[in-house]
N, C-alpha and C. Protein backbone atom coordinates (compact mmCIF):
# COMPACT_ATOMS: atom_id res chain seq x y z
N UNK A 1 129.03 60.30 120.58
CA UNK A 1 129.81 61.51 120.52
C UNK A 1 128.90 62.65 120.09
N UNK A 2 129.01 63.76 120.79
CA UNK A 2 128.28 64.94 120.37
C UNK A 2 129.15 66.17 120.61
N UNK A 3 128.73 67.27 120.00
CA UNK A 3 129.49 68.51 120.11
C UNK A 3 128.52 69.68 120.25
N UNK A 4 129.01 70.73 120.87
CA UNK A 4 128.29 72.00 120.92
C UNK A 4 128.98 72.91 119.91
N UNK A 5 128.22 73.40 118.92
CA UNK A 5 128.79 74.23 117.87
C UNK A 5 128.11 75.59 117.88
N UNK A 6 128.80 76.57 117.31
CA UNK A 6 128.24 77.91 117.15
C UNK A 6 127.80 78.07 115.70
N UNK A 7 126.53 78.41 115.51
CA UNK A 7 126.05 78.67 114.16
C UNK A 7 124.90 79.66 114.24
N UNK A 8 125.01 80.70 113.46
CA UNK A 8 123.96 81.71 113.40
C UNK A 8 123.77 82.48 114.68
N UNK A 9 124.84 82.69 115.47
CA UNK A 9 124.72 83.45 116.69
C UNK A 9 124.16 82.65 117.85
N UNK A 10 123.90 81.37 117.64
CA UNK A 10 123.38 80.51 118.70
C UNK A 10 124.30 79.30 118.86
N UNK A 11 124.12 78.60 119.97
CA UNK A 11 124.87 77.38 120.20
C UNK A 11 123.90 76.21 120.08
N UNK A 12 124.33 75.18 119.37
CA UNK A 12 123.48 74.01 119.12
C UNK A 12 124.22 72.75 119.52
N UNK A 13 123.51 71.80 120.09
CA UNK A 13 124.06 70.49 120.40
C UNK A 13 123.81 69.59 119.20
N UNK A 14 124.88 69.03 118.63
CA UNK A 14 124.75 68.22 117.43
C UNK A 14 125.43 66.87 117.63
N UNK A 15 124.90 65.88 116.94
CA UNK A 15 125.50 64.54 116.89
C UNK A 15 125.50 64.12 115.42
N UNK A 16 126.12 63.01 115.14
CA UNK A 16 126.22 62.51 113.77
C UNK A 16 124.83 62.25 113.20
N UNK A 17 124.58 62.67 111.96
CA UNK A 17 123.33 62.51 111.21
C UNK A 17 122.17 63.34 111.74
N UNK A 18 122.41 64.32 112.60
CA UNK A 18 121.35 65.24 113.02
C UNK A 18 121.06 66.21 111.90
N UNK A 19 119.78 66.57 111.73
CA UNK A 19 119.39 67.61 110.78
C UNK A 19 119.10 68.85 111.60
N UNK A 20 119.78 69.92 111.25
CA UNK A 20 119.76 71.15 112.02
C UNK A 20 119.22 72.28 111.15
N UNK A 21 118.38 73.13 111.71
CA UNK A 21 117.88 74.30 111.00
C UNK A 21 118.60 75.52 111.54
N UNK A 22 119.39 76.18 110.67
CA UNK A 22 120.19 77.33 111.06
C UNK A 22 119.77 78.53 110.22
N UNK A 23 120.20 79.73 110.62
CA UNK A 23 119.92 80.91 109.83
C UNK A 23 120.47 80.72 108.42
N UNK A 24 119.88 81.42 107.47
CA UNK A 24 120.24 81.22 106.07
C UNK A 24 121.73 81.42 105.85
N UNK A 25 122.35 80.41 105.22
CA UNK A 25 123.76 80.48 104.85
C UNK A 25 123.83 81.03 103.44
N UNK A 26 124.48 82.15 103.26
CA UNK A 26 124.56 82.81 101.95
C UNK A 26 125.37 81.97 100.97
N UNK A 27 124.91 81.89 99.76
CA UNK A 27 125.62 81.26 98.65
C UNK A 27 125.93 79.79 98.89
N UNK A 28 125.09 79.07 99.61
CA UNK A 28 125.29 77.64 99.82
C UNK A 28 124.19 76.89 99.10
N UNK A 29 124.58 75.95 98.23
CA UNK A 29 123.63 75.16 97.48
C UNK A 29 123.46 73.80 98.15
N UNK A 30 122.36 73.12 97.83
CA UNK A 30 122.12 71.79 98.38
C UNK A 30 123.23 70.84 97.94
N UNK A 31 123.75 70.09 98.89
CA UNK A 31 124.83 69.15 98.60
C UNK A 31 126.20 69.69 98.92
N UNK A 32 126.34 71.00 99.12
CA UNK A 32 127.65 71.55 99.44
C UNK A 32 127.98 71.29 100.90
N UNK A 33 129.25 71.43 101.23
CA UNK A 33 129.72 71.13 102.57
C UNK A 33 130.08 72.41 103.32
N UNK A 34 129.74 72.46 104.60
CA UNK A 34 130.09 73.59 105.46
C UNK A 34 130.68 73.04 106.75
N UNK A 35 131.41 73.89 107.46
CA UNK A 35 131.96 73.46 108.75
C UNK A 35 131.63 74.52 109.80
N UNK A 36 131.51 74.06 111.03
CA UNK A 36 131.16 74.93 112.15
C UNK A 36 132.25 74.85 113.21
N UNK A 37 132.52 75.95 113.92
CA UNK A 37 133.51 75.88 115.01
C UNK A 37 132.92 75.16 116.22
N UNK A 38 133.71 74.25 116.78
CA UNK A 38 133.27 73.49 117.96
C UNK A 38 133.59 74.27 119.22
N UNK A 39 132.65 74.31 120.15
CA UNK A 39 132.85 74.97 121.43
C UNK A 39 133.08 73.97 122.55
N UNK A 40 132.57 72.74 122.37
CA UNK A 40 132.71 71.69 123.36
C UNK A 40 132.50 70.36 122.65
N UNK A 41 133.30 69.35 122.96
CA UNK A 41 133.15 68.03 122.38
C UNK A 41 133.09 67.02 123.50
N UNK A 42 132.08 66.14 123.46
CA UNK A 42 131.94 65.08 124.45
C UNK A 42 132.01 63.75 123.71
N UNK A 43 132.99 62.93 124.08
CA UNK A 43 133.18 61.62 123.47
C UNK A 43 133.18 60.58 124.58
N UNK A 44 132.02 60.05 124.90
CA UNK A 44 131.93 59.09 125.99
C UNK A 44 132.23 59.75 127.32
N UNK A 45 133.30 59.32 127.98
CA UNK A 45 133.71 59.88 129.26
C UNK A 45 134.62 61.09 129.10
N UNK A 46 135.15 61.32 127.90
CA UNK A 46 136.08 62.42 127.66
C UNK A 46 135.33 63.68 127.24
N UNK A 47 135.62 64.78 127.94
CA UNK A 47 135.03 66.08 127.59
C UNK A 47 136.17 67.02 127.23
N UNK A 48 136.10 67.58 126.03
CA UNK A 48 137.14 68.49 125.55
C UNK A 48 136.56 69.89 125.53
N UNK A 49 137.16 70.81 126.31
CA UNK A 49 136.70 72.19 126.30
C UNK A 49 137.85 73.18 126.15
N UNK A 50 139.07 72.70 126.03
CA UNK A 50 140.24 73.55 125.86
C UNK A 50 140.24 74.13 124.45
N UNK A 51 140.41 75.43 124.33
CA UNK A 51 140.34 76.10 123.02
C UNK A 51 141.42 75.61 122.08
N UNK A 52 142.63 75.36 122.59
CA UNK A 52 143.71 74.88 121.73
C UNK A 52 143.40 73.48 121.19
N UNK A 53 142.84 72.65 122.02
CA UNK A 53 142.48 71.28 121.60
C UNK A 53 141.28 71.31 120.65
N UNK A 54 140.30 72.19 120.92
CA UNK A 54 139.11 72.27 120.09
C UNK A 54 139.40 72.79 118.69
N UNK A 55 140.48 73.55 118.54
CA UNK A 55 140.81 74.06 117.21
C UNK A 55 141.19 72.94 116.26
N UNK A 56 141.54 71.77 116.81
CA UNK A 56 141.88 70.62 115.97
C UNK A 56 140.65 69.82 115.54
N UNK A 57 139.53 70.00 116.24
CA UNK A 57 138.31 69.27 115.89
C UNK A 57 137.60 69.96 114.73
N UNK A 58 136.94 69.17 113.90
CA UNK A 58 136.24 69.69 112.74
C UNK A 58 134.83 69.11 112.71
N UNK A 59 133.83 69.97 112.76
CA UNK A 59 132.43 69.55 112.66
C UNK A 59 131.96 69.93 111.27
N UNK A 60 131.71 68.94 110.43
CA UNK A 60 131.31 69.19 109.05
C UNK A 60 129.84 68.85 108.87
N UNK A 61 129.22 69.54 107.92
CA UNK A 61 127.81 69.33 107.64
C UNK A 61 127.56 69.47 106.15
N UNK A 62 126.51 68.83 105.68
CA UNK A 62 126.10 68.91 104.28
C UNK A 62 124.79 69.69 104.22
N UNK A 63 124.70 70.63 103.30
CA UNK A 63 123.50 71.44 103.16
C UNK A 63 122.40 70.59 102.53
N UNK A 64 121.27 70.48 103.23
CA UNK A 64 120.13 69.71 102.72
C UNK A 64 119.29 70.57 101.79
N UNK A 65 119.03 71.80 102.20
CA UNK A 65 118.26 72.71 101.36
C UNK A 65 117.71 73.87 102.16
N UNK A 66 116.99 74.77 101.49
CA UNK A 66 116.42 75.93 102.19
C UNK A 66 115.16 75.54 102.95
N UNK A 67 114.82 76.34 103.94
CA UNK A 67 113.60 76.15 104.72
C UNK A 67 113.08 77.52 105.11
N UNK A 68 111.80 77.57 105.48
CA UNK A 68 111.19 78.83 105.89
C UNK A 68 110.53 78.65 107.24
N UNK A 69 110.60 79.72 108.02
CA UNK A 69 109.94 79.72 109.33
C UNK A 69 108.46 80.02 109.18
N UNK A 70 107.76 80.11 110.30
CA UNK A 70 106.32 80.41 110.23
C UNK A 70 106.07 81.86 109.81
N UNK A 71 104.94 82.08 109.20
CA UNK A 71 104.54 83.43 108.79
C UNK A 71 104.10 84.20 110.03
N UNK A 72 104.63 85.41 110.17
CA UNK A 72 104.29 86.26 111.29
C UNK A 72 103.58 87.49 110.74
N UNK A 73 102.35 87.74 111.20
CA UNK A 73 101.58 88.90 110.77
C UNK A 73 101.58 89.93 111.88
N UNK A 74 101.84 91.19 111.49
CA UNK A 74 101.86 92.28 112.45
C UNK A 74 100.85 93.33 112.00
N UNK A 75 100.06 93.81 112.92
CA UNK A 75 99.07 94.85 112.62
C UNK A 75 99.30 96.01 113.58
N UNK A 76 99.51 97.20 113.02
CA UNK A 76 99.65 98.42 113.82
C UNK A 76 98.36 99.20 113.68
N UNK A 77 97.79 99.62 114.80
CA UNK A 77 96.51 100.32 114.78
C UNK A 77 96.51 101.38 115.87
N UNK A 78 96.07 102.59 115.50
CA UNK A 78 95.89 103.65 116.49
C UNK A 78 94.43 104.09 116.46
N UNK A 79 93.86 104.08 117.58
CA UNK A 79 92.43 104.39 117.70
C UNK A 79 92.14 105.86 117.33
N UNK A 80 91.06 106.07 116.62
CA UNK A 80 90.49 107.39 116.29
C UNK A 80 91.36 108.25 115.39
N UNK A 81 92.37 107.67 114.75
CA UNK A 81 93.21 108.48 113.86
C UNK A 81 93.21 107.96 112.43
N UNK A 82 92.64 106.80 112.20
CA UNK A 82 92.63 106.22 110.86
C UNK A 82 93.96 105.58 110.48
N UNK A 83 94.79 105.32 111.47
CA UNK A 83 96.10 104.75 111.20
C UNK A 83 96.02 103.23 111.32
N UNK A 84 96.22 102.51 110.20
CA UNK A 84 96.26 101.05 110.19
C UNK A 84 97.37 100.61 109.26
N UNK A 85 98.18 99.68 109.71
CA UNK A 85 99.26 99.13 108.87
C UNK A 85 99.33 97.62 109.08
N UNK A 86 99.51 96.91 108.00
CA UNK A 86 99.73 95.47 108.06
C UNK A 86 101.12 95.17 107.56
N UNK A 87 101.77 94.24 108.20
CA UNK A 87 103.11 93.85 107.80
C UNK A 87 103.27 92.37 108.08
N UNK A 88 104.04 91.68 107.24
CA UNK A 88 104.29 90.26 107.44
C UNK A 88 105.77 89.97 107.34
N UNK A 89 106.16 88.84 107.92
CA UNK A 89 107.57 88.43 107.88
C UNK A 89 107.63 86.92 107.90
N UNK A 90 108.58 86.35 107.16
CA UNK A 90 108.83 84.92 107.16
C UNK A 90 110.34 84.71 107.09
N UNK A 91 110.92 84.19 108.15
CA UNK A 91 112.37 84.04 108.25
C UNK A 91 112.87 82.93 107.33
N UNK A 92 114.00 83.17 106.68
CA UNK A 92 114.63 82.19 105.79
C UNK A 92 115.67 81.39 106.59
N UNK A 93 115.65 80.07 106.44
CA UNK A 93 116.58 79.19 107.13
C UNK A 93 117.25 78.26 106.13
N UNK A 94 118.28 77.56 106.58
CA UNK A 94 118.95 76.52 105.81
C UNK A 94 119.01 75.28 106.67
N UNK A 95 118.65 74.14 106.10
CA UNK A 95 118.74 72.88 106.83
C UNK A 95 120.05 72.20 106.47
N UNK A 96 120.77 71.73 107.50
CA UNK A 96 122.04 71.03 107.29
C UNK A 96 122.02 69.71 108.05
N UNK A 97 122.71 68.72 107.49
CA UNK A 97 122.85 67.41 108.13
C UNK A 97 124.30 67.26 108.57
N UNK A 98 124.52 66.93 109.83
CA UNK A 98 125.87 66.77 110.37
C UNK A 98 126.46 65.47 109.83
N UNK A 99 127.59 65.59 109.13
CA UNK A 99 128.22 64.42 108.52
C UNK A 99 129.44 63.93 109.27
N UNK A 100 130.02 64.75 110.13
CA UNK A 100 131.20 64.29 110.85
C UNK A 100 131.62 65.20 111.97
N UNK A 101 132.05 64.55 113.06
CA UNK A 101 132.70 65.25 114.17
C UNK A 101 134.02 64.52 114.34
N UNK A 102 135.07 65.10 113.83
CA UNK A 102 136.33 64.37 113.79
C UNK A 102 137.49 65.24 114.21
N UNK A 103 138.50 64.57 114.72
CA UNK A 103 139.75 65.23 115.06
C UNK A 103 140.72 64.91 113.92
N UNK A 104 141.04 65.89 113.09
CA UNK A 104 141.94 65.64 111.96
C UNK A 104 143.32 65.22 112.46
N UNK A 105 143.99 64.41 111.66
CA UNK A 105 145.34 63.98 112.02
C UNK A 105 146.27 65.19 112.01
N UNK A 106 147.28 65.10 112.86
CA UNK A 106 148.25 66.19 112.93
C UNK A 106 149.12 66.16 111.69
N UNK A 107 149.55 67.33 111.24
CA UNK A 107 150.40 67.42 110.05
C UNK A 107 151.73 66.73 110.31
N UNK A 108 152.25 66.80 111.53
CA UNK A 108 153.52 66.17 111.85
C UNK A 108 153.45 64.66 111.74
N UNK A 109 152.28 64.07 112.07
CA UNK A 109 152.12 62.62 111.97
C UNK A 109 152.17 62.18 110.52
N UNK A 110 151.59 62.98 109.63
CA UNK A 110 151.62 62.64 108.21
C UNK A 110 153.04 62.72 107.67
N UNK A 111 153.78 63.76 108.08
CA UNK A 111 155.15 63.92 107.60
C UNK A 111 156.03 62.78 108.09
N UNK A 112 155.89 62.38 109.34
CA UNK A 112 156.73 61.31 109.86
C UNK A 112 156.40 59.99 109.18
N UNK A 113 155.11 59.76 108.85
CA UNK A 113 154.74 58.55 108.14
C UNK A 113 155.32 58.57 106.73
N UNK A 114 155.34 59.73 106.08
CA UNK A 114 155.91 59.85 104.74
C UNK A 114 157.41 59.61 104.78
N UNK A 115 158.10 60.13 105.79
CA UNK A 115 159.53 59.93 105.93
C UNK A 115 159.84 58.45 106.14
N UNK A 116 158.99 57.78 106.94
CA UNK A 116 159.20 56.37 107.21
C UNK A 116 159.02 55.55 105.94
N UNK A 117 158.02 55.90 105.11
CA UNK A 117 157.82 55.20 103.85
C UNK A 117 159.00 55.37 102.91
N UNK A 118 159.54 56.59 102.82
CA UNK A 118 160.68 56.82 101.94
C UNK A 118 161.93 56.10 102.46
N UNK A 119 162.07 56.00 103.79
CA UNK A 119 163.22 55.28 104.37
C UNK A 119 163.11 53.79 104.04
N UNK A 120 161.90 53.23 104.09
CA UNK A 120 161.70 51.82 103.75
C UNK A 120 162.00 51.56 102.29
N UNK A 121 161.62 52.49 101.41
CA UNK A 121 161.88 52.33 99.98
C UNK A 121 163.37 52.42 99.70
N UNK A 122 164.10 53.25 100.44
CA UNK A 122 165.54 53.39 100.24
C UNK A 122 166.27 52.12 100.65
N UNK A 123 165.79 51.46 101.69
CA UNK A 123 166.43 50.23 102.16
C UNK A 123 166.18 49.07 101.21
N UNK A 124 165.06 49.08 100.52
CA UNK A 124 164.71 47.96 99.64
C UNK A 124 165.48 47.94 98.35
């Protein structure tokens, strides 16, 4: 089973236990849980792409920790004017591990199961 999720303005293909590097997630500590919206879910032969059906799916991930991209050096130079500038940049990322791609149970199924349990207790 795998899913296509949206994270950081990009779409990523994820499966269970994949480690993904996404743009920095603000205020997320290592070990905390985050969820991503699913855009497409493939489970064997079944492909789910309907928006109403996808709203029931939940892709959860655990924050592994921060990460940094490669250092990028930029040099601006104009000939014969004495203009020289150096600038550097290093993008901040967050690594996450996908812990689950699941379809949560419907609220109505839980209520009917609870009603059935109370009916059984009343009969006993």
